[in-house]
Amino acid sequence: NPVKALDNISFEIPKGQIFGLLGPNGAGKSTVVKILTTITTPS
């Protein structure tokens, strides 16, 4: 049973905006950040 950490997440952030990513522990927030900062690759 593979673990699906992110399931078809979509969003965009305009320049000059502060964007908040909220969720309980284990929601996938840090996974989003790690992908966007090239620490891990998306599936």
ModelCIF file with pLDDT and N, C-alpha, C, O atoms, coordinates in Angstrom:
data_MODEL
#
_entry.id   MODEL 
#
_entity.id                         1 
_entity.type                       polymer 
_entity.pdbx_number_of_molecules   1 
#
_entity_poly.entity_id                      1 
_entity_poly.type                           'polypeptide(L)' 
_entity_poly.nstd_linkage                   no 
_entity_poly.nstd_monomer                   no 
_entity_poly.pdbx_seq_one_letter_code       NPVKALDNISFEIPKGQIFGLLGPNGAGKSTVVKILTTITTPS 
_entity_poly.pdbx_seq_one_letter_code_can   NPVKALDNISFEIPKGQIFGLLGPNGAGKSTVVKILTTITTPS 
_entity_poly.pdbx_strand_id                 A 
#
loop_
_entity_poly_seq.entity_id 
_entity_poly_seq.num 
_entity_poly_seq.mon_id 
_entity_poly_seq.hetero 
1 1  ASN n 
1 2  PRO n 
1 3  VAL n 
1 4  LYS n 
1 5  ALA n 
1 6  LEU n 
1 7  ASP n 
1 8  ASN n 
1 9  ILE n 
1 10 SER n 
1 11 PHE n 
1 12 GLU n 
1 13 ILE n 
1 14 PRO n 
1 15 LYS n 
1 16 GLY n 
1 17 GLN n 
1 18 ILE n 
1 19 PHE n 
1 20 GLY n 
1 21 LEU n 
1 22 LEU n 
1 23 GLY n 
1 24 PRO n 
1 25 ASN n 
1 26 GLY n 
1 27 ALA n 
1 28 GLY n 
1 29 LYS n 
1 30 SER n 
1 31 THR n 
1 32 VAL n 
1 33 VAL n 
1 34 LYS n 
1 35 ILE n 
1 36 LEU n 
1 37 THR n 
1 38 THR n 
1 39 ILE n 
1 40 THR n 
1 41 THR n 
1 42 PRO n 
1 43 SER n 
#
_struct_asym.id          A 
_struct_asym.entity_id   1 
#
loop_
_ma_qa_metric.id 
_ma_qa_metric.mode 
_ma_qa_metric.name 
_ma_qa_metric.software_group_id 
_ma_qa_metric.type 
1 global pLDDT . pLDDT 
2 local  pLDDT . pLDDT 
#
_ma_qa_metric_global.metric_id      1 
_ma_qa_metric_global.metric_value   92.67 
_ma_qa_metric_global.model_id       1 
_ma_qa_metric_global.ordinal_id     1 
#
loop_
_ma_qa_metric_local.label_asym_id 
_ma_qa_metric_local.label_comp_id 
_ma_qa_metric_local.label_seq_id 
_ma_qa_metric_local.metric_id 
_ma_qa_metric_local.metric_value 
_ma_qa_metric_local.model_id 
_ma_qa_metric_local.ordinal_id 
A ASN 1  2 78.00 1 1  
A PRO 2  2 82.00 1 2  
A VAL 3  2 83.00 1 3  
A LYS 4  2 88.00 1 4  
A ALA 5  2 91.00 1 5  
A LEU 6  2 94.00 1 6  
A ASP 7  2 93.00 1 7  
A ASN 8  2 94.00 1 8  
A ILE 9  2 96.00 1 9  
A SER 10 2 97.00 1 10 
A PHE 11 2 97.00 1 11 
A GLU 12 2 96.00 1 12 
A ILE 13 2 97.00 1 13 
A PRO 14 2 96.00 1 14 
A LYS 15 2 96.00 1 15 
A GLY 16 2 96.00 1 16 
A GLN 17 2 96.00 1 17 
A ILE 18 2 97.00 1 18 
A PHE 19 2 97.00 1 19 
A GLY 20 2 95.00 1 20 
A LEU 21 2 94.00 1 21 
A LEU 22 2 91.00 1 22 
A GLY 23 2 87.00 1 23 
A PRO 24 2 85.00 1 24 
A ASN 25 2 85.00 1 25 
A GLY 26 2 85.00 1 26 
A ALA 27 2 89.00 1 27 
A GLY 28 2 92.00 1 28 
A LYS 29 2 92.00 1 29 
A SER 30 2 91.00 1 30 
A THR 31 2 94.00 1 31 
A VAL 32 2 96.00 1 32 
A VAL 33 2 94.00 1 33 
A LYS 34 2 94.00 1 34 
A ILE 35 2 97.00 1 35 
A LEU 36 2 97.00 1 36 
A THR 37 2 96.00 1 37 
A THR 38 2 96.00 1 38 
A ILE 39 2 94.00 1 39 
A THR 40 2 94.00 1 40 
A THR 41 2 94.00 1 41 
A PRO 42 2 95.00 1 42 
A SER 43 2 94.00 1 43 
#
loop_
_atom_site.group_PDB 
_atom_site.id 
_atom_site.type_symbol 
_atom_site.label_atom_id 
_atom_site.label_alt_id 
_atom_site.label_comp_id 
_atom_site.label_asym_id 
_atom_site.label_entity_id 
_atom_site.label_seq_id 
_atom_site.pdbx_PDB_ins_code 
_atom_site.Cartn_x 
_atom_site.Cartn_y 
_atom_site.Cartn_z 
_atom_site.occupancy 
_atom_site.B_iso_or_equiv 
_atom_site.pdbx_formal_charge 
_atom_site.auth_seq_id 
_atom_site.auth_comp_id 
_atom_site.auth_asym_id 
_atom_site.auth_atom_id 
_atom_site.pdbx_PDB_model_num 
ATOM 1   N N  . ASN A 1 1  ? 0.825  -1.196 0.000   1.00 78.00 ? 1  ASN A N  1 
ATOM 2   C CA . ASN A 1 1  ? 0.000  0.000  0.000   1.00 78.00 ? 1  ASN A CA 1 
ATOM 3   C C  . ASN A 1 1  ? 0.866  1.256  0.000   1.00 78.00 ? 1  ASN A C  1 
ATOM 4   O O  . ASN A 1 1  ? 1.240  1.750  1.064   1.00 78.00 ? 1  ASN A O  1 
ATOM 5   N N  . PRO A 1 2  ? 1.189  1.778  -1.189  1.00 82.00 ? 2  PRO A N  1 
ATOM 6   C CA . PRO A 1 2  ? 1.974  3.015  -1.267  1.00 82.00 ? 2  PRO A CA 1 
ATOM 7   C C  . PRO A 1 2  ? 1.236  4.165  -0.575  1.00 82.00 ? 2  PRO A C  1 
ATOM 8   O O  . PRO A 1 2  ? 0.006  4.195  -0.535  1.00 82.00 ? 2  PRO A O  1 
ATOM 9   N N  . VAL A 1 3  ? 2.005  5.099  -0.038  1.00 83.00 ? 3  VAL A N  1 
ATOM 10  C CA . VAL A 1 3  ? 1.435  6.247  0.658   1.00 83.00 ? 3  VAL A CA 1 
ATOM 11  C C  . VAL A 1 3  ? 1.340  7.419  -0.314  1.00 83.00 ? 3  VAL A C  1 
ATOM 12  O O  . VAL A 1 3  ? 2.346  7.850  -0.877  1.00 83.00 ? 3  VAL A O  1 
ATOM 13  N N  . LYS A 1 4  ? 0.120  7.932  -0.508  1.00 88.00 ? 4  LYS A N  1 
ATOM 14  C CA . LYS A 1 4  ? -0.086 9.077  -1.393  1.00 88.00 ? 4  LYS A CA 1 
ATOM 15  C C  . LYS A 1 4  ? -0.035 10.337 -0.546  1.00 88.00 ? 4  LYS A C  1 
ATOM 16  O O  . LYS A 1 4  ? -1.018 10.697 0.101   1.00 88.00 ? 4  LYS A O  1 
ATOM 17  N N  . ALA A 1 5  ? 1.112  11.008 -0.550  1.00 91.00 ? 5  ALA A N  1 
ATOM 18  C CA . ALA A 1 5  ? 1.301  12.208 0.268   1.00 91.00 ? 5  ALA A CA 1 
ATOM 19  C C  . ALA A 1 5  ? 0.614  13.420 -0.337  1.00 91.00 ? 5  ALA A C  1 
ATOM 20  O O  . ALA A 1 5  ? 0.130  14.284 0.393   1.00 91.00 ? 5  ALA A O  1 
ATOM 21  N N  . LEU A 1 6  ? 0.565  13.495 -1.672  1.00 94.00 ? 6  LEU A N  1 
ATOM 22  C CA . LEU A 1 6  ? -0.131 14.578 -2.364  1.00 94.00 ? 6  LEU A CA 1 
ATOM 23  C C  . LEU A 1 6  ? -1.000 13.974 -3.456  1.00 94.00 ? 6  LEU A C  1 
ATOM 24  O O  . LEU A 1 6  ? -0.562 13.106 -4.210  1.00 94.00 ? 6  LEU A O  1 
ATOM 25  N N  . ASP A 1 7  ? -2.233 14.446 -3.525  1.00 93.00 ? 7  ASP A N  1 
ATOM 26  C CA . ASP A 1 7  ? -3.216 13.864 -4.436  1.00 93.00 ? 7  ASP A CA 1 
ATOM 27  C C  . ASP A 1 7  ? -3.803 14.960 -5.337  1.00 93.00 ? 7  ASP A C  1 
ATOM 28  O O  . ASP A 1 7  ? -4.851 15.534 -5.040  1.00 93.00 ? 7  ASP A O  1 
ATOM 29  N N  . ASN A 1 8  ? -3.103 15.235 -6.441  1.00 94.00 ? 8  ASN A N  1 
ATOM 30  C CA . ASN A 1 8  ? -3.590 16.178 -7.457  1.00 94.00 ? 8  ASN A CA 1 
ATOM 31  C C  . ASN A 1 8  ? -3.848 17.579 -6.896  1.00 94.00 ? 8  ASN A C  1 
ATOM 32  O O  . ASN A 1 8  ? -4.936 18.134 -7.050  1.00 94.00 ? 8  ASN A O  1 
ATOM 33  N N  . ILE A 1 9  ? -2.834 18.131 -6.248  1.00 96.00 ? 9  ILE A N  1 
ATOM 34  C CA . ILE A 1 9  ? -2.919 19.490 -5.703  1.00 96.00 ? 9  ILE A CA 1 
ATOM 35  C C  . ILE A 1 9  ? -2.632 20.508 -6.807  1.00 96.00 ? 9  ILE A C  1 
ATOM 36  O O  . ILE A 1 9  ? -1.663 20.366 -7.552  1.00 96.00 ? 9  ILE A O  1 
ATOM 37  N N  . SER A 1 10 ? -3.486 21.540 -6.907  1.00 97.00 ? 10 SER A N  1 
ATOM 38  C CA . SER A 1 10 ? -3.270 22.616 -7.874  1.00 97.00 ? 10 SER A CA 1 
ATOM 39  C C  . SER A 1 10 ? -3.490 23.968 -7.209  1.00 97.00 ? 10 SER A C  1 
ATOM 40  O O  . SER A 1 10 ? -4.433 24.141 -6.437  1.00 97.00 ? 10 SER A O  1 
ATOM 41  N N  . PHE A 1 11 ? -2.614 24.927 -7.510  1.00 97.00 ? 11 PHE A N  1 
ATOM 42  C CA . PHE A 1 11 ? -2.799 26.308 -7.066  1.00 97.00 ? 11 PHE A CA 1 
ATOM 43  C C  . PHE A 1 11 ? -1.763 27.177 -7.761  1.00 97.00 ? 11 PHE A C  1 
ATOM 44  O O  . PHE A 1 11 ? -0.805 26.661 -8.338  1.00 97.00 ? 11 PHE A O  1 
ATOM 45  N N  . GLU A 1 12 ? -1.944 28.480 -7.711  1.00 96.00 ? 12 GLU A N  1 
ATOM 46  C CA . GLU A 1 12 ? -0.937 29.399 -8.213  1.00 96.00 ? 12 GLU A CA 1 
ATOM 47  C C  . GLU A 1 12 ? -0.845 30.612 -7.299  1.00 96.00 ? 12 GLU A C  1 
ATOM 48  O O  . GLU A 1 12 ? -1.813 30.991 -6.640  1.00 96.00 ? 12 GLU A O  1 
ATOM 49  N N  . ILE A 1 13 ? 0.335  31.206 -7.275  1.00 97.00 ? 13 ILE A N  1 
ATOM 50  C CA . ILE A 1 13 ? 0.592  32.343 -6.395  1.00 97.00 ? 13 ILE A CA 1 
ATOM 51  C C  . ILE A 1 13 ? 1.137  33.494 -7.238  1.00 97.00 ? 13 ILE A C  1 
ATOM 52  O O  . ILE A 1 13 ? 2.207  33.369 -7.833  1.00 97.00 ? 13 ILE A O  1 
ATOM 53  N N  . PRO A 1 14 ? 0.416  34.607 -7.297  1.00 96.00 ? 14 PRO A N  1 
ATOM 54  C CA . PRO A 1 14 ? 0.938  35.766 -8.035  1.00 96.00 ? 14 PRO A CA 1 
ATOM 55  C C  . PRO A 1 14 ? 2.164  36.353 -7.339  1.00 96.00 ? 14 PRO A C  1 
ATOM 56  O O  . PRO A 1 14 ? 2.379  36.140 -6.146  1.00 96.00 ? 14 PRO A O  1 
ATOM 57  N N  . LYS A 1 15 ? 2.953  37.084 -8.095  1.00 96.00 ? 15 LYS A N  1 
ATOM 58  C CA . LYS A 1 15 ? 4.120  37.751 -7.525  1.00 96.00 ? 15 LYS A CA 1 
ATOM 59  C C  . LYS A 1 15 ? 3.692  38.776 -6.477  1.00 96.00 ? 15 LYS A C  1 
ATOM 60  O O  . LYS A 1 15 ? 2.699  39.483 -6.644  1.00 96.00 ? 15 LYS A O  1 
ATOM 61  N N  . GLY A 1 16 ? 4.465  38.838 -5.395  1.00 96.00 ? 16 GLY A N  1 
ATOM 62  C CA . GLY A 1 16 ? 4.207  39.809 -4.350  1.00 96.00 ? 16 GLY A CA 1 
ATOM 63  C C  . GLY A 1 16 ? 3.116  39.414 -3.375  1.00 96.00 ? 16 GLY A C  1 
ATOM 64  O O  . GLY A 1 16 ? 2.644  40.252 -2.606  1.00 96.00 ? 16 GLY A O  1 
ATOM 65  N N  . GLN A 1 17 ? 2.704  38.152 -3.392  1.00 96.00 ? 17 GLN A N  1 
ATOM 66  C CA . GLN A 1 17 ? 1.642  37.693 -2.499  1.00 96.00 ? 17 GLN A CA 1 
ATOM 67  C C  . GLN A 1 17 ? 2.202  36.801 -1.393  1.00 96.00 ? 17 GLN A C  1 
ATOM 68  O O  . GLN A 1 17 ? 3.180  36.081 -1.595  1.00 96.00 ? 17 GLN A O  1 
ATOM 69  N N  . ILE A 1 18 ? 1.565  36.859 -0.220  1.00 97.00 ? 18 ILE A N  1 
ATOM 70  C CA . ILE A 1 18 ? 1.862  35.922 0.861   1.00 97.00 ? 18 ILE A CA 1 
ATOM 71  C C  . ILE A 1 18 ? 0.783  34.849 0.840   1.00 97.00 ? 18 ILE A C  1 
ATOM 72  O O  . ILE A 1 18 ? -0.402 35.149 0.982   1.00 97.00 ? 18 ILE A O  1 
ATOM 73  N N  . PHE A 1 19 ? 1.192  33.609 0.664   1.00 97.00 ? 19 PHE A N  1 
ATOM 74  C CA . PHE A 1 19 ? 0.277  32.486 0.494   1.00 97.00 ? 19 PHE A CA 1 
ATOM 75  C C  . PHE A 1 19 ? 0.461  31.530 1.658   1.00 97.00 ? 19 PHE A C  1 
ATOM 76  O O  . PHE A 1 19 ? 1.575  31.082 1.928   1.00 97.00 ? 19 PHE A O  1 
ATOM 77  N N  . GLY A 1 20 ? -0.625 31.217 2.349   1.00 95.00 ? 20 GLY A N  1 
ATOM 78  C CA . GLY A 1 20 ? -0.556 30.330 3.500   1.00 95.00 ? 20 GLY A CA 1 
ATOM 79  C C  . GLY A 1 20 ? -1.021 28.924 3.162   1.00 95.00 ? 20 GLY A C  1 
ATOM 80  O O  . GLY A 1 20 ? -2.067 28.734 2.541   1.00 95.00 ? 20 GLY A O  1 
ATOM 81  N N  . LEU A 1 21 ? -0.232 27.942 3.576   1.00 94.00 ? 21 LEU A N  1 
ATOM 82  C CA . LEU A 1 21 ? -0.569 26.532 3.388   1.00 94.00 ? 21 LEU A CA 1 
ATOM 83  C C  . LEU A 1 21 ? -0.822 25.931 4.757   1.00 94.00 ? 21 LEU A C  1 
ATOM 84  O O  . LEU A 1 21 ? 0.095  25.812 5.571   1.00 94.00 ? 21 LEU A O  1 
ATOM 85  N N  . LEU A 1 22 ? -2.068 25.551 5.010   1.00 91.00 ? 22 LEU A N  1 
ATOM 86  C CA . LEU A 1 22 ? -2.477 25.086 6.332   1.00 91.00 ? 22 LEU A CA 1 
ATOM 87  C C  . LEU A 1 22 ? -2.991 23.664 6.258   1.00 91.00 ? 22 LEU A C  1 
ATOM 88  O O  . LEU A 1 22 ? -3.496 23.213 5.230   1.00 91.00 ? 22 LEU A O  1 
ATOM 89  N N  . GLY A 1 23 ? -2.848 22.970 7.376   1.00 87.00 ? 23 GLY A N  1 
ATOM 90  C CA . GLY A 1 23 ? -3.374 21.617 7.473   1.00 87.00 ? 23 GLY A CA 1 
ATOM 91  C C  . GLY A 1 23 ? -2.850 20.951 8.724   1.00 87.00 ? 23 GLY A C  1 
ATOM 92  O O  . GLY A 1 23 ? -1.863 21.408 9.300   1.00 87.00 ? 23 GLY A O  1 
ATOM 93  N N  . PRO A 1 24 ? -3.502 19.863 9.162   1.00 85.00 ? 24 PRO A N  1 
ATOM 94  C CA . PRO A 1 24 ? -3.009 19.147 10.347  1.00 85.00 ? 24 PRO A CA 1 
ATOM 95  C C  . PRO A 1 24 ? -1.667 18.490 10.079  1.00 85.00 ? 24 PRO A C  1 
ATOM 96  O O  . PRO A 1 24 ? -1.211 18.444 8.936   1.00 85.00 ? 24 PRO A O  1 
ATOM 97  N N  . ASN A 1 25 ? -1.036 17.987 11.119  1.00 85.00 ? 25 ASN A N  1 
ATOM 98  C CA . ASN A 1 25 ? 0.229  17.266 10.949  1.00 85.00 ? 25 ASN A CA 1 
ATOM 99  C C  . ASN A 1 25 ? 0.031  16.106 9.979   1.00 85.00 ? 25 ASN A C  1 
ATOM 100 O O  . ASN A 1 25 ? -0.946 15.363 10.077  1.00 85.00 ? 25 ASN A O  1 
ATOM 101 N N  . GLY A 1 26 ? 0.963  15.959 9.046   1.00 85.00 ? 26 GLY A N  1 
ATOM 102 C CA . GLY A 1 26 ? 0.863  14.883 8.072   1.00 85.00 ? 26 GLY A CA 1 
ATOM 103 C C  . GLY A 1 26 ? -0.038 15.185 6.897   1.00 85.00 ? 26 GLY A C  1 
ATOM 104 O O  . GLY A 1 26 ? -0.331 14.292 6.102   1.00 85.00 ? 26 GLY A O  1 
ATOM 105 N N  . ALA A 1 27 ? -0.487 16.429 6.768   1.00 89.00 ? 27 ALA A N  1 
ATOM 106 C CA . ALA A 1 27 ? -1.422 16.777 5.692   1.00 89.00 ? 27 ALA A CA 1 
ATOM 107 C C  . ALA A 1 27 ? -0.753 16.826 4.330   1.00 89.00 ? 27 ALA A C  1 
ATOM 108 O O  . ALA A 1 27 ? -1.417 16.660 3.307   1.00 89.00 ? 27 ALA A O  1 
ATOM 109 N N  . GLY A 1 28 ? 0.558  17.053 4.306   1.00 92.00 ? 28 GLY A N  1 
ATOM 110 C CA . GLY A 1 28 ? 1.277  17.160 3.039   1.00 92.00 ? 28 GLY A CA 1 
ATOM 111 C C  . GLY A 1 28 ? 1.895  18.520 2.806   1.00 92.00 ? 28 GLY A C  1 
ATOM 112 O O  . GLY A 1 28 ? 2.430  18.782 1.729   1.00 92.00 ? 28 GLY A O  1 
ATOM 113 N N  . LYS A 1 29 ? 1.830  19.393 3.805   1.00 92.00 ? 29 LYS A N  1 
ATOM 114 C CA . LYS A 1 29 ? 2.352  20.757 3.645   1.00 92.00 ? 29 LYS A CA 1 
ATOM 115 C C  . LYS A 1 29 ? 3.854  20.751 3.352   1.00 92.00 ? 29 LYS A C  1 
ATOM 116 O O  . LYS A 1 29 ? 4.315  21.379 2.399   1.00 92.00 ? 29 LYS A O  1 
ATOM 117 N N  . SER A 1 30 ? 4.598  20.042 4.177   1.00 91.00 ? 30 SER A N  1 
ATOM 118 C CA . SER A 1 30 ? 6.055  20.014 3.994   1.00 91.00 ? 30 SER A CA 1 
ATOM 119 C C  . SER A 1 30 ? 6.441  19.325 2.692   1.00 91.00 ? 30 SER A C  1 
ATOM 120 O O  . SER A 1 30 ? 7.465  19.660 2.096   1.00 91.00 ? 30 SER A O  1 
ATOM 121 N N  . THR A 1 31 ? 5.636  18.369 2.245   1.00 94.00 ? 31 THR A N  1 
ATOM 122 C CA . THR A 1 31 ? 5.908  17.709 0.968   1.00 94.00 ? 31 THR A CA 1 
ATOM 123 C C  . THR A 1 31 ? 5.784  18.693 -0.177  1.00 94.00 ? 31 THR A C  1 
ATOM 124 O O  . THR A 1 31 ? 6.596  18.670 -1.103  1.00 94.00 ? 31 THR A O  1 
ATOM 125 N N  . VAL A 1 32 ? 4.775  19.564 -0.129  1.00 96.00 ? 32 VAL A N  1 
ATOM 126 C CA . VAL A 1 32 ? 4.637  20.609 -1.146  1.00 96.00 ? 32 VAL A CA 1 
ATOM 127 C C  . VAL A 1 32 ? 5.883  21.487 -1.164  1.00 96.00 ? 32 VAL A C  1 
ATOM 128 O O  . VAL A 1 32 ? 6.433  21.774 -2.227  1.00 96.00 ? 32 VAL A O  1 
ATOM 129 N N  . VAL A 1 33 ? 6.324  21.908 0.013   1.00 94.00 ? 33 VAL A N  1 
ATOM 130 C CA . VAL A 1 33 ? 7.495  22.786 0.103   1.00 94.00 ? 33 VAL A CA 1 
ATOM 131 C C  . VAL A 1 33 ? 8.739  22.070 -0.422  1.00 94.00 ? 33 VAL A C  1 
ATOM 132 O O  . VAL A 1 33 ? 9.536  22.666 -1.147  1.00 94.00 ? 33 VAL A O  1 
ATOM 133 N N  . LYS A 1 34 ? 8.907  20.819 -0.068  1.00 94.00 ? 34 LYS A N  1 
ATOM 134 C CA . LYS A 1 34 ? 10.106 20.079 -0.507  1.00 94.00 ? 34 LYS A CA 1 
ATOM 135 C C  . LYS A 1 34 ? 10.131 19.909 -2.029  1.00 94.00 ? 34 LYS A C  1 
ATOM 136 O O  . LYS A 1 34 ? 11.202 19.942 -2.635  1.00 94.00 ? 34 LYS A O  1 
ATOM 137 N N  . ILE A 1 35 ? 8.977  19.730 -2.642  1.00 97.00 ? 35 ILE A N  1 
ATOM 138 C CA . ILE A 1 35 ? 8.932  19.625 -4.100  1.00 97.00 ? 35 ILE A CA 1 
ATOM 139 C C  . ILE A 1 35 ? 9.246  20.974 -4.738  1.00 97.00 ? 35 ILE A C  1 
ATOM 140 O O  . ILE A 1 35 ? 10.031 21.046 -5.684  1.00 97.00 ? 35 ILE A O  1 
ATOM 141 N N  . LEU A 1 36 ? 8.643  22.034 -4.229  1.00 97.00 ? 36 LEU A N  1 
ATOM 142 C CA . LEU A 1 36 ? 8.839  23.355 -4.823  1.00 97.00 ? 36 LEU A CA 1 
ATOM 143 C C  . LEU A 1 36 ? 10.264 23.877 -4.631  1.00 97.00 ? 36 LEU A C  1 
ATOM 144 O O  . LEU A 1 36 ? 10.728 24.724 -5.394  1.00 97.00 ? 36 LEU A O  1 
ATOM 145 N N  . THR A 1 37 ? 10.948 23.373 -3.618  1.00 96.00 ? 37 THR A N  1 
ATOM 146 C CA . THR A 1 37 ? 12.340 23.791 -3.381  1.00 96.00 ? 37 THR A CA 1 
ATOM 147 C C  . THR A 1 37 ? 13.343 22.776 -3.911  1.00 96.00 ? 37 THR A C  1 
ATOM 148 O O  . THR A 1 37 ? 14.535 22.869 -3.618  1.00 96.00 ? 37 THR A O  1 
ATOM 149 N N  . THR A 1 38 ? 12.871 21.813 -4.685  1.00 96.00 ? 38 THR A N  1 
ATOM 150 C CA . THR A 1 38 ? 13.679 20.817 -5.416  1.00 96.00 ? 38 THR A CA 1 
ATOM 151 C C  . THR A 1 38 ? 14.367 19.805 -4.510  1.00 96.00 ? 38 THR A C  1 
ATOM 152 O O  . THR A 1 38 ? 15.304 19.129 -4.936  1.00 96.00 ? 38 THR A O  1 
ATOM 153 N N  . ILE A 1 39 ? 13.913 19.694 -3.268  1.00 94.00 ? 39 ILE A N  1 
ATOM 154 C CA . ILE A 1 39 ? 14.501 18.707 -2.356  1.00 94.00 ? 39 ILE A CA 1 
ATOM 155 C C  . ILE A 1 39 ? 14.037 17.303 -2.719  1.00 94.00 ? 39 ILE A C  1 
ATOM 156 O O  . ILE A 1 39 ? 14.794 16.339 -2.599  1.00 94.00 ? 39 ILE A O  1 
ATOM 157 N N  . THR A 1 40 ? 12.790 17.195 -3.164  1.00 94.00 ? 40 THR A N  1 
ATOM 158 C CA . THR A 1 40 ? 12.258 15.915 -3.613  1.00 94.00 ? 40 THR A CA 1 
ATOM 159 C C  . THR A 1 40 ? 11.528 16.125 -4.929  1.00 94.00 ? 40 THR A C  1 
ATOM 160 O O  . THR A 1 40 ? 11.127 17.244 -5.246  1.00 94.00 ? 40 THR A O  1 
ATOM 161 N N  . THR A 1 41 ? 11.354 15.053 -5.698  1.00 94.00 ? 41 THR A N  1 
ATOM 162 C CA . THR A 1 41 ? 10.719 15.163 -7.011  1.00 94.00 ? 41 THR A CA 1 
ATOM 163 C C  . THR A 1 41 ? 9.267  14.708 -6.940  1.00 94.00 ? 41 THR A C  1 
ATOM 164 O O  . THR A 1 41 ? 8.934  13.823 -6.151  1.00 94.00 ? 41 THR A O  1 
ATOM 165 N N  . PRO A 1 42 ? 8.404  15.300 -7.752  1.00 95.00 ? 42 PRO A N  1 
ATOM 166 C CA . PRO A 1 42 ? 6.997  14.874 -7.756  1.00 95.00 ? 42 PRO A CA 1 
ATOM 167 C C  . PRO A 1 42 ? 6.832  13.533 -8.465  1.00 95.00 ? 42 PRO A C  1 
ATOM 168 O O  . PRO A 1 42 ? 7.654  13.151 -9.298  1.00 95.00 ? 42 PRO A O  1 
ATOM 169 N N  . SER A 1 43 ? 5.764  12.834 -8.123  1.00 94.00 ? 43 SER A N  1 
ATOM 170 C CA . SER A 1 43 ? 5.432  11.584 -8.806  1.00 94.00 ? 43 SER A CA 1 
ATOM 171 C C  . SER A 1 43 ? 4.553  11.836 -10.019 1.00 94.00 ? 43 SER A C  1 
ATOM 172 O O  . SER A 1 43 ? 4.176  10.893 -10.715 1.00 94.00 ? 43 SER A O  1 
#
